[in-house]
PDB file of all heavy atoms in Angstrom:
ATOM      1  N   LEU A   1       0.818  -1.209   0.000  1.00  0.00           N
ATOM      2  CA  LEU A   1       0.000   0.000   0.000  1.00  0.00           C
ATOM      3  C   LEU A   1       0.857   1.267   0.000  1.00  0.00           C
ATOM      4  O   LEU A   1       0.478   2.286  -0.579  1.00  0.00           O
ATOM      5  CB  LEU A   1      -0.937  -0.007   1.199  1.00  0.00           C
ATOM      6  CG  LEU A   1      -2.026  -1.092   1.155  1.00  0.00           C
ATOM      7  CD1 LEU A   1      -2.819  -1.127   2.452  1.00  0.00           C
ATOM      8  CD2 LEU A   1      -2.954  -0.876  -0.038  1.00  0.00           C
ATOM      9  N   MET A   2       2.042   1.213   0.615  1.00  0.00           N
ATOM     10  CA  MET A   2       2.964   2.358   0.555  1.00  0.00           C
ATOM     11  C   MET A   2       3.439   2.600  -0.875  1.00  0.00           C
ATOM     12  O   MET A   2       3.560   3.741  -1.324  1.00  0.00           O
ATOM     13  CB  MET A   2       4.159   2.123   1.478  1.00  0.00           C
ATOM     14  CG  MET A   2       3.899   2.419   2.936  1.00  0.00           C
ATOM     15  SD  MET A   2       3.528   4.175   3.244  1.00  0.00           S
ATOM     16  CE  MET A   2       5.032   4.947   2.706  1.00  0.00           C
ATOM     17  N   ALA A   3       3.701   1.498  -1.597  1.00  0.00           N
ATOM     18  CA  ALA A   3       4.115   1.641  -3.000  1.00  0.00           C
ATOM     19  C   ALA A   3       2.985   2.263  -3.831  1.00  0.00           C
ATOM     20  O   ALA A   3       3.234   3.108  -4.708  1.00  0.00           O
ATOM     21  CB  ALA A   3       4.519   0.285  -3.567  1.00  0.00           C
ATOM     22  N   GLU A   4       1.734   1.844  -3.535  1.00  0.00           N
ATOM     23  CA  GLU A   4       0.603   2.428  -4.260  1.00  0.00           C
ATOM     24  C   GLU A   4       0.445   3.907  -3.918  1.00  0.00           C
ATOM     25  O   GLU A   4       0.085   4.718  -4.793  1.00  0.00           O
ATOM     26  CB  GLU A   4      -0.665   1.652  -3.913  1.00  0.00           C
ATOM     27  CG  GLU A   4      -0.675   0.234  -4.482  1.00  0.00           C
ATOM     28  CD  GLU A   4      -1.917  -0.537  -4.071  1.00  0.00           C
ATOM     29  OE1 GLU A   4      -2.740   0.033  -3.312  1.00  0.00           O
ATOM     30  OE2 GLU A   4      -2.068  -1.695  -4.509  1.00  0.00           O
ATOM     31  N   LEU A   5       0.717   4.282  -2.666  1.00  0.00           N
ATOM     32  CA  LEU A   5       0.662   5.694  -2.283  1.00  0.00           C
ATOM     33  C   LEU A   5       1.740   6.487  -3.019  1.00  0.00           C
ATOM     34  O   LEU A   5       1.473   7.588  -3.520  1.00  0.00           O
ATOM     35  CB  LEU A   5       0.846   5.833  -0.775  1.00  0.00           C
ATOM     36  CG  LEU A   5       0.938   7.272  -0.234  1.00  0.00           C
ATOM     37  CD1 LEU A   5      -0.325   8.066  -0.589  1.00  0.00           C
ATOM     38  CD2 LEU A   5       1.184   7.270   1.276  1.00  0.00           C
ATOM     39  N   ASP A   6       2.953   5.926  -3.087  1.00  0.00           N
ATOM     40  CA  ASP A   6       4.028   6.605  -3.818  1.00  0.00           C
ATOM     41  C   ASP A   6       3.649   6.787  -5.291  1.00  0.00           C
ATOM     42  O   ASP A   6       3.923   7.838  -5.886  1.00  0.00           O
ATOM     43  CB  ASP A   6       5.336   5.815  -3.695  1.00  0.00           C
ATOM     44  CG  ASP A   6       5.912   5.842  -2.291  1.00  0.00           C
ATOM     45  OD1 ASP A   6       5.542   6.749  -1.523  1.00  0.00           O
ATOM     46  OD2 ASP A   6       6.738   4.956  -1.972  1.00  0.00           O
ATOM     47  N   GLN A   7       3.023   5.752  -5.877  1.00  0.00           N
ATOM     48  CA  GLN A   7       2.603   5.846  -7.271  1.00  0.00           C
ATOM     49  C   GLN A   7       1.537   6.915  -7.438  1.00  0.00           C
ATOM     50  O   GLN A   7       1.552   7.691  -8.412  1.00  0.00           O
ATOM     51  CB  GLN A   7       2.082   4.494  -7.747  1.00  0.00           C
ATOM     52  CG  GLN A   7       1.589   4.456  -9.179  1.00  0.00           C
ATOM     53  CD  GLN A   7       2.707   4.676 -10.199  1.00  0.00           C
ATOM     54  OE1 GLN A   7       3.879   4.506  -9.882  1.00  0.00           O
ATOM     55  NE2 GLN A   7       2.340   5.075 -11.403  1.00  0.00           N
ATOM     56  N   ALA A   8       0.595   7.007  -6.492  1.00  0.00           N
ATOM     57  CA  ALA A   8      -0.462   8.022  -6.563  1.00  0.00           C
ATOM     58  C   ALA A   8       0.132   9.423  -6.444  1.00  0.00           C
ATOM     59  O   ALA A   8      -0.286  10.353  -7.162  1.00  0.00           O
ATOM     60  CB  ALA A   8      -1.491   7.778  -5.465  1.00  0.00           C
ATOM     61  N   LYS A   9       1.118   9.582  -5.544  1.00  0.00           N
ATOM     62  CA  LYS A   9       1.775  10.884  -5.404  1.00  0.00           C
ATOM     63  C   LYS A   9       2.573  11.239  -6.654  1.00  0.00           C
ATOM     64  O   LYS A   9       2.621  12.415  -7.071  1.00  0.00           O
ATOM     65  CB  LYS A   9       2.692  10.873  -4.184  1.00  0.00           C
ATOM     66  CG  LYS A   9       1.952  10.875  -2.848  1.00  0.00           C
ATOM     67  CD  LYS A   9       2.935  10.882  -1.688  1.00  0.00           C
ATOM     68  CE  LYS A   9       2.215  10.964  -0.344  1.00  0.00           C
ATOM     69  NZ  LYS A   9       3.161  10.953   0.802  1.00  0.00           N
ATOM     70  N   LEU A  10       3.197  10.235  -7.259  1.00  0.00           N
ATOM     71  CA  LEU A  10       3.966  10.480  -8.484  1.00  0.00           C
ATOM     72  C   LEU A  10       3.041  10.951  -9.607  1.00  0.00           C
ATOM     73  O   LEU A  10       3.350  11.913 -10.320  1.00  0.00           O
ATOM     74  CB  LEU A  10       4.701   9.211  -8.892  1.00  0.00           C
ATOM     75  CG  LEU A  10       5.594   9.311 -10.131  1.00  0.00           C
ATOM     76  CD1 LEU A  10       6.706  10.326  -9.905  1.00  0.00           C
ATOM     77  CD2 LEU A  10       6.183   7.945 -10.494  1.00  0.00           C
ATOM     78  N   GLN A  11       1.888  10.281  -9.743  1.00  0.00           N
ATOM     79  CA  GLN A  11       0.945  10.700 -10.774  1.00  0.00           C
ATOM     80  C   GLN A  11       0.397  12.096 -10.483  1.00  0.00           C
ATOM     81  O   GLN A  11       0.168  12.883 -11.415  1.00  0.00           O
ATOM     82  CB  GLN A  11      -0.190   9.680 -10.868  1.00  0.00           C
ATOM     83  CG  GLN A  11       0.241   8.356 -11.492  1.00  0.00           C
ATOM     84  CD  GLN A  11      -0.929   7.444 -11.758  1.00  0.00           C
ATOM     85  OE1 GLN A  11      -1.925   7.472 -11.025  1.00  0.00           O
ATOM     86  NE2 GLN A  11      -0.823   6.624 -12.795  1.00  0.00           N
ATOM     87  N   LEU A  12       0.196  12.409  -9.213  1.00  0.00           N
ATOM     88  CA  LEU A  12      -0.246  13.759  -8.870  1.00  0.00           C
ATOM     89  C   LEU A  12       0.822  14.789  -9.253  1.00  0.00           C
ATOM     90  O   LEU A  12       0.498  15.875  -9.751  1.00  0.00           O
ATOM     91  CB  LEU A  12      -0.536  13.846  -7.367  1.00  0.00           C
ATOM     92  CG  LEU A  12      -0.935  15.230  -6.845  1.00  0.00           C
ATOM     93  CD1 LEU A  12      -2.199  15.738  -7.542  1.00  0.00           C
ATOM     94  CD2 LEU A  12      -1.119  15.197  -5.332  1.00  0.00           C
ATOM     95  N   SER A  13       2.095  14.436  -9.056  1.00  0.00           N
ATOM     96  CA  SER A  13       3.167  15.370  -9.429  1.00  0.00           C
ATOM     97  C   SER A  13       3.210  15.591 -10.933  1.00  0.00           C
ATOM     98  O   SER A  13       3.606  16.655 -11.408  1.00  0.00           O
ATOM     99  CB  SER A  13       4.526  14.839  -8.941  1.00  0.00           C
ATOM    100  OG  SER A  13       4.936  13.708  -9.691  1.00  0.00           O
ATOM    101  N   TYR A  14       2.762  14.574 -11.715  1.00  0.00           N
ATOM    102  CA  TYR A  14       2.758  14.708 -13.169  1.00  0.00           C
ATOM    103  C   TYR A  14       1.689  15.682 -13.655  1.00  0.00           C
ATOM    104  O   TYR A  14       1.687  16.057 -14.832  1.00  0.00           O
ATOM    105  CB  TYR A  14       2.541  13.355 -13.831  1.00  0.00           C
ATOM    106  CG  TYR A  14       3.705  12.402 -13.714  1.00  0.00           C
ATOM    107  CD1 TYR A  14       3.530  11.025 -13.885  1.00  0.00           C
ATOM    108  CD2 TYR A  14       4.983  12.870 -13.437  1.00  0.00           C
ATOM    109  CE1 TYR A  14       4.597  10.149 -13.790  1.00  0.00           C
ATOM    110  CE2 TYR A  14       6.057  11.993 -13.330  1.00  0.00           C
ATOM    111  CZ  TYR A  14       5.854  10.635 -13.509  1.00  0.00           C
ATOM    112  OH  TYR A  14       6.909   9.772 -13.401  1.00  0.00           O
ATOM    113  N   THR A  15       0.768  16.091 -12.769  1.00  0.00           N
ATOM    114  CA  THR A  15      -0.233  17.083 -13.181  1.00  0.00           C
ATOM    115  C   THR A  15       0.390  18.459 -13.366  1.00  0.00           C
ATOM    116  O   THR A  15      -0.224  19.331 -13.975  1.00  0.00           O
ATOM    117  CB  THR A  15      -1.367  17.175 -12.159  1.00  0.00           C
ATOM    118  OG1 THR A  15      -0.836  17.593 -10.887  1.00  0.00           O
ATOM    119  CG2 THR A  15      -2.067  15.833 -12.009  1.00  0.00           C
ATOM    120  N   GLU A  16       1.590  18.651 -12.839  1.00  0.00           N
ATOM    121  CA  GLU A  16       2.326  19.904 -13.028  1.00  0.00           C
ATOM    122  C   GLU A  16       3.515  19.647 -13.945  1.00  0.00           C
ATOM    123  O   GLU A  16       4.336  18.759 -13.678  1.00  0.00           O
ATOM    124  CB  GLU A  16       2.808  20.468 -11.688  1.00  0.00           C
ATOM    125  CG  GLU A  16       1.669  20.900 -10.772  1.00  0.00           C
ATOM    126  CD  GLU A  16       2.189  21.543  -9.495  1.00  0.00           C
ATOM    127  OE1 GLU A  16       3.415  21.459  -9.235  1.00  0.00           O
ATOM    128  OE2 GLU A  16       1.374  22.126  -8.762  1.00  0.00           O
ATOM    129  N   ILE A  17       3.595  20.402 -15.023  1.00  0.00           N
ATOM    130  CA  ILE A  17       4.691  20.250 -15.985  1.00  0.00           C
ATOM    131  C   ILE A  17       5.602  21.463 -15.841  1.00  0.00           C
ATOM    132  O   ILE A  17       5.189  22.609 -16.086  1.00  0.00           O
ATOM    133  CB  ILE A  17       4.166  20.130 -17.419  1.00  0.00           C
ATOM    134  CG1 ILE A  17       3.241  18.914 -17.532  1.00  0.00           C
ATOM    135  CG2 ILE A  17       5.307  20.031 -18.414  1.00  0.00           C
ATOM    136  CD1 ILE A  17       2.586  18.762 -18.894  1.00  0.00           C
ATOM    137  N   HIS A  18       6.843  21.211 -15.406  1.00  0.00           N
ATOM    138  CA  HIS A  18       7.814  22.271 -15.156  1.00  0.00           C
ATOM    139  C   HIS A  18       8.864  22.297 -16.269  1.00  0.00           C
ATOM    140  O   HIS A  18       9.094  21.297 -16.955  1.00  0.00           O
ATOM    141  CB  HIS A  18       8.499  22.061 -13.810  1.00  0.00           C
ATOM    142  CG  HIS A  18       7.569  22.134 -12.638  1.00  0.00           C
ATOM    143  ND1 HIS A  18       7.423  23.264 -11.865  1.00  0.00           N
ATOM    144  CD2 HIS A  18       6.724  21.202 -12.103  1.00  0.00           C
ATOM    145  CE1 HIS A  18       6.547  23.042 -10.910  1.00  0.00           C
ATOM    146  NE2 HIS A  18       6.093  21.800 -11.029  1.00  0.00           N
ATOM    147  N   ALA A  19       9.510  23.436 -16.417  1.00  0.00           N
ATOM    148  CA  ALA A  19      10.583  23.575 -17.411  1.00  0.00           C
ATOM    149  C   ALA A  19      11.814  22.810 -16.923  1.00  0.00           C
ATOM    150  O   ALA A  19      12.307  23.071 -15.831  1.00  0.00           O
ATOM    151  CB  ALA A  19      10.925  25.042 -17.622  1.00  0.00           C
ATOM    152  N   PRO A  20      12.329  21.865 -17.715  1.00  0.00           N
ATOM    153  CA  PRO A  20      13.515  21.119 -17.294  1.00  0.00           C
ATOM    154  C   PRO A  20      14.828  21.865 -17.540  1.00  0.00           C
ATOM    155  O   PRO A  20      15.853  21.530 -16.962  1.00  0.00           O
ATOM    156  CB  PRO A  20      13.447  19.846 -18.128  1.00  0.00           C
ATOM    157  CG  PRO A  20      12.716  20.256 -19.370  1.00  0.00           C
ATOM    158  CD  PRO A  20      11.753  21.341 -18.960  1.00  0.00           C
ATOM    159  N   ILE A  21      14.806  22.870 -18.423  1.00  0.00           N
ATOM    160  CA  ILE A  21      16.014  23.616 -18.769  1.00  0.00           C
ATOM    161  C   ILE A  21      15.670  25.092 -18.928  1.00  0.00           C
ATOM    162  O   ILE A  21      14.499  25.458 -19.063  1.00  0.00           O
ATOM    163  CB  ILE A  21      16.655  23.109 -20.089  1.00  0.00           C
ATOM    164  CG1 ILE A  21      15.654  23.274 -21.255  1.00  0.00           C
ATOM    165  CG2 ILE A  21      17.137  21.690 -19.962  1.00  0.00           C
ATOM    166  CD1 ILE A  21      16.248  22.975 -22.619  1.00  0.00           C
ATOM    167  N   ASP A  22      16.709  25.936 -18.916  1.00  0.00           N
ATOM    168  CA  ASP A  22      16.541  27.339 -19.298  1.00  0.00           C
ATOM    169  C   ASP A  22      16.440  27.424 -20.823  1.00  0.00           C
ATOM    170  O   ASP A  22      17.079  26.658 -21.544  1.00  0.00           O
ATOM    171  CB  ASP A  22      17.738  28.174 -18.840  1.00  0.00           C
ATOM    172  CG  ASP A  22      17.846  28.252 -17.326  1.00  0.00           C
ATOM    173  OD1 ASP A  22      16.876  27.876 -16.647  1.00  0.00           O
ATOM    174  OD2 ASP A  22      18.906  28.689 -16.838  1.00  0.00           O
ATOM    175  N   GLY A  23      15.659  28.371 -21.316  1.00  0.00           N
ATOM    176  CA  GLY A  23      15.567  28.553 -22.760  1.00  0.00           C
ATOM    177  C   GLY A  23      14.351  29.373 -23.129  1.00  0.00           C
ATOM    178  O   GLY A  23      13.752  30.050 -22.290  1.00  0.00           O
ATOM    179  N   ARG A  24      14.004  29.304 -24.403  1.00  0.00           N
ATOM    180  CA  ARG A  24      12.789  29.959 -24.901  1.00  0.00           C
ATOM    181  C   ARG A  24      11.775  28.897 -25.244  1.00  0.00           C
ATOM    182  O   ARG A  24      12.102  27.854 -25.823  1.00  0.00           O
ATOM    183  CB  ARG A  24      13.079  30.795 -26.143  1.00  0.00           C
ATOM    184  CG  ARG A  24      13.736  32.134 -25.857  1.00  0.00           C
ATOM    185  CD  ARG A  24      13.872  32.936 -27.120  1.00  0.00           C
ATOM    186  NE  ARG A  24      12.569  33.239 -27.704  1.00  0.00           N
ATOM    187  CZ  ARG A  24      12.360  33.455 -29.001  1.00  0.00           C
ATOM    188  NH1 ARG A  24      13.357  33.385 -29.847  1.00  0.00           N
ATOM    189  NH2 ARG A  24      11.167  33.746 -29.451  1.00  0.00           N
ATOM    190  N   ILE A  25      10.525  29.160 -24.866  1.00  0.00           N
ATOM    191  CA  ILE A  25       9.463  28.201 -25.125  1.00  0.00           C
ATOM    192  C   ILE A  25       8.665  28.647 -26.347  1.00  0.00           C
ATOM    193  O   ILE A  25       8.429  29.840 -26.556  1.00  0.00           O
ATOM    194  CB  ILE A  25       8.548  28.046 -23.886  1.00  0.00           C
ATOM    195  CG1 ILE A  25       7.585  26.879 -24.069  1.00  0.00           C
ATOM    196  CG2 ILE A  25       7.788  29.332 -23.576  1.00  0.00           C
ATOM    197  CD1 ILE A  25       6.905  26.439 -22.798  1.00  0.00           C
ATOM    198  N   GLY A  26       8.298  27.681 -27.157  1.00  0.00           N
ATOM    199  CA  GLY A  26       7.584  27.994 -28.390  1.00  0.00           C
ATOM    200  C   GLY A  26       6.078  28.053 -28.194  1.00  0.00           C
ATOM    201  O   GLY A  26       5.571  28.229 -27.083  1.00  0.00           O
ATOM    202  N   LYS A  27       5.372  27.860 -29.271  1.00  0.00           N
ATOM    203  CA  LYS A  27       3.911  27.953 -29.278  1.00  0.00           C
ATOM    204  C   LYS A  27       3.310  26.748 -28.569  1.00  0.00           C
ATOM    205  O   LYS A  27       3.775  25.619 -28.721  1.00  0.00           O
ATOM    206  CB  LYS A  27       3.417  28.025 -30.718  1.00  0.00           C
ATOM    207  CG  LYS A  27       1.910  28.083 -30.868  1.00  0.00           C
ATOM    208  CD  LYS A  27       1.529  28.195 -32.327  1.00  0.00           C
ATOM    209  CE  LYS A  27       0.026  28.085 -32.532  1.00  0.00           C
ATOM    210  NZ  LYS A  27      -0.741  29.013 -31.730  1.00  0.00           N
ATOM    211  N   SER A  28       2.254  27.000 -27.783  1.00  0.00           N
ATOM    212  CA  SER A  28       1.505  25.912 -27.158  1.00  0.00           C
ATOM    213  C   SER A  28       0.634  25.245 -28.223  1.00  0.00           C
ATOM    214  O   SER A  28      -0.157  25.906 -28.898  1.00  0.00           O
ATOM    215  CB  SER A  28       0.633  26.449 -26.022  1.00  0.00           C
ATOM    216  OG  SER A  28      -0.143  25.405 -25.463  1.00  0.00           O
ATOM    217  N   LEU A  29       0.800  23.938 -28.374  1.00  0.00           N
ATOM    218  CA  LEU A  29       0.102  23.228 -29.444  1.00  0.00           C
ATOM    219  C   LEU A  29      -1.284  22.744 -29.037  1.00  0.00           C
ATOM    220  O   LEU A  29      -2.041  22.289 -29.890  1.00  0.00           O
ATOM    221  CB  LEU A  29       0.962  22.044 -29.910  1.00  0.00           C
ATOM    222  CG  LEU A  29       2.349  22.436 -30.434  1.00  0.00           C
ATOM    223  CD1 LEU A  29       3.128  21.210 -30.867  1.00  0.00           C
ATOM    224  CD2 LEU A  29       2.234  23.427 -31.581  1.00  0.00           C
ATOM    225  N   LEU A  30      -1.616  22.806 -27.735  1.00  0.00           N
ATOM    226  CA  LEU A  30      -2.942  22.445 -27.260  1.00  0.00           C
ATOM    227  C   LEU A  30      -3.451  23.548 -26.345  1.00  0.00           C
ATOM    228  O   LEU A  30      -2.687  24.109 -25.561  1.00  0.00           O
ATOM    229  CB  LEU A  30      -2.924  21.108 -26.517  1.00  0.00           C
ATOM    230  CG  LEU A  30      -2.697  19.858 -27.394  1.00  0.00           C
ATOM    231  CD1 LEU A  30      -2.523  18.627 -26.522  1.00  0.00           C
ATOM    232  CD2 LEU A  30      -3.841  19.654 -28.364  1.00  0.00           C
ATOM    233  N   SER A  31      -4.732  23.835 -26.406  1.00  0.00           N
ATOM    234  CA  SER A  31      -5.309  24.923 -25.622  1.00  0.00           C
ATOM    235  C   SER A  31      -5.797  24.407 -24.274  1.00  0.00           C
ATOM    236  O   SER A  31      -6.061  23.213 -24.090  1.00  0.00           O
ATOM    237  CB  SER A  31      -6.478  25.553 -26.383  1.00  0.00           C
ATOM    238  OG  SER A  31      -6.059  26.053 -27.629  1.00  0.00           O
ATOM    239  N   VAL A  32      -5.930  25.344 -23.332  1.00  0.00           N
ATOM    240  CA  VAL A  32      -6.515  25.020 -22.035  1.00  0.00           C
ATOM    241  C   VAL A  32      -7.924  24.470 -22.239  1.00  0.00           C
ATOM    242  O   VAL A  32      -8.708  25.006 -23.033  1.00  0.00           O
ATOM    243  CB  VAL A  32      -6.552  26.274 -21.141  1.00  0.00           C
ATOM    244  CG1 VAL A  32      -7.348  26.003 -19.867  1.00  0.00           C
ATOM    245  CG2 VAL A  32      -5.141  26.719 -20.789  1.00  0.00           C
TER     246      VAL A  32
END
């Protein structure tokens, strides 16, 4: 059950997409 909790937390963290590097970001290909 701890492993399932870790998996649930990991999937929750995937709801936020952060910039992995410095740079310029292009056009968003999908809308909100």
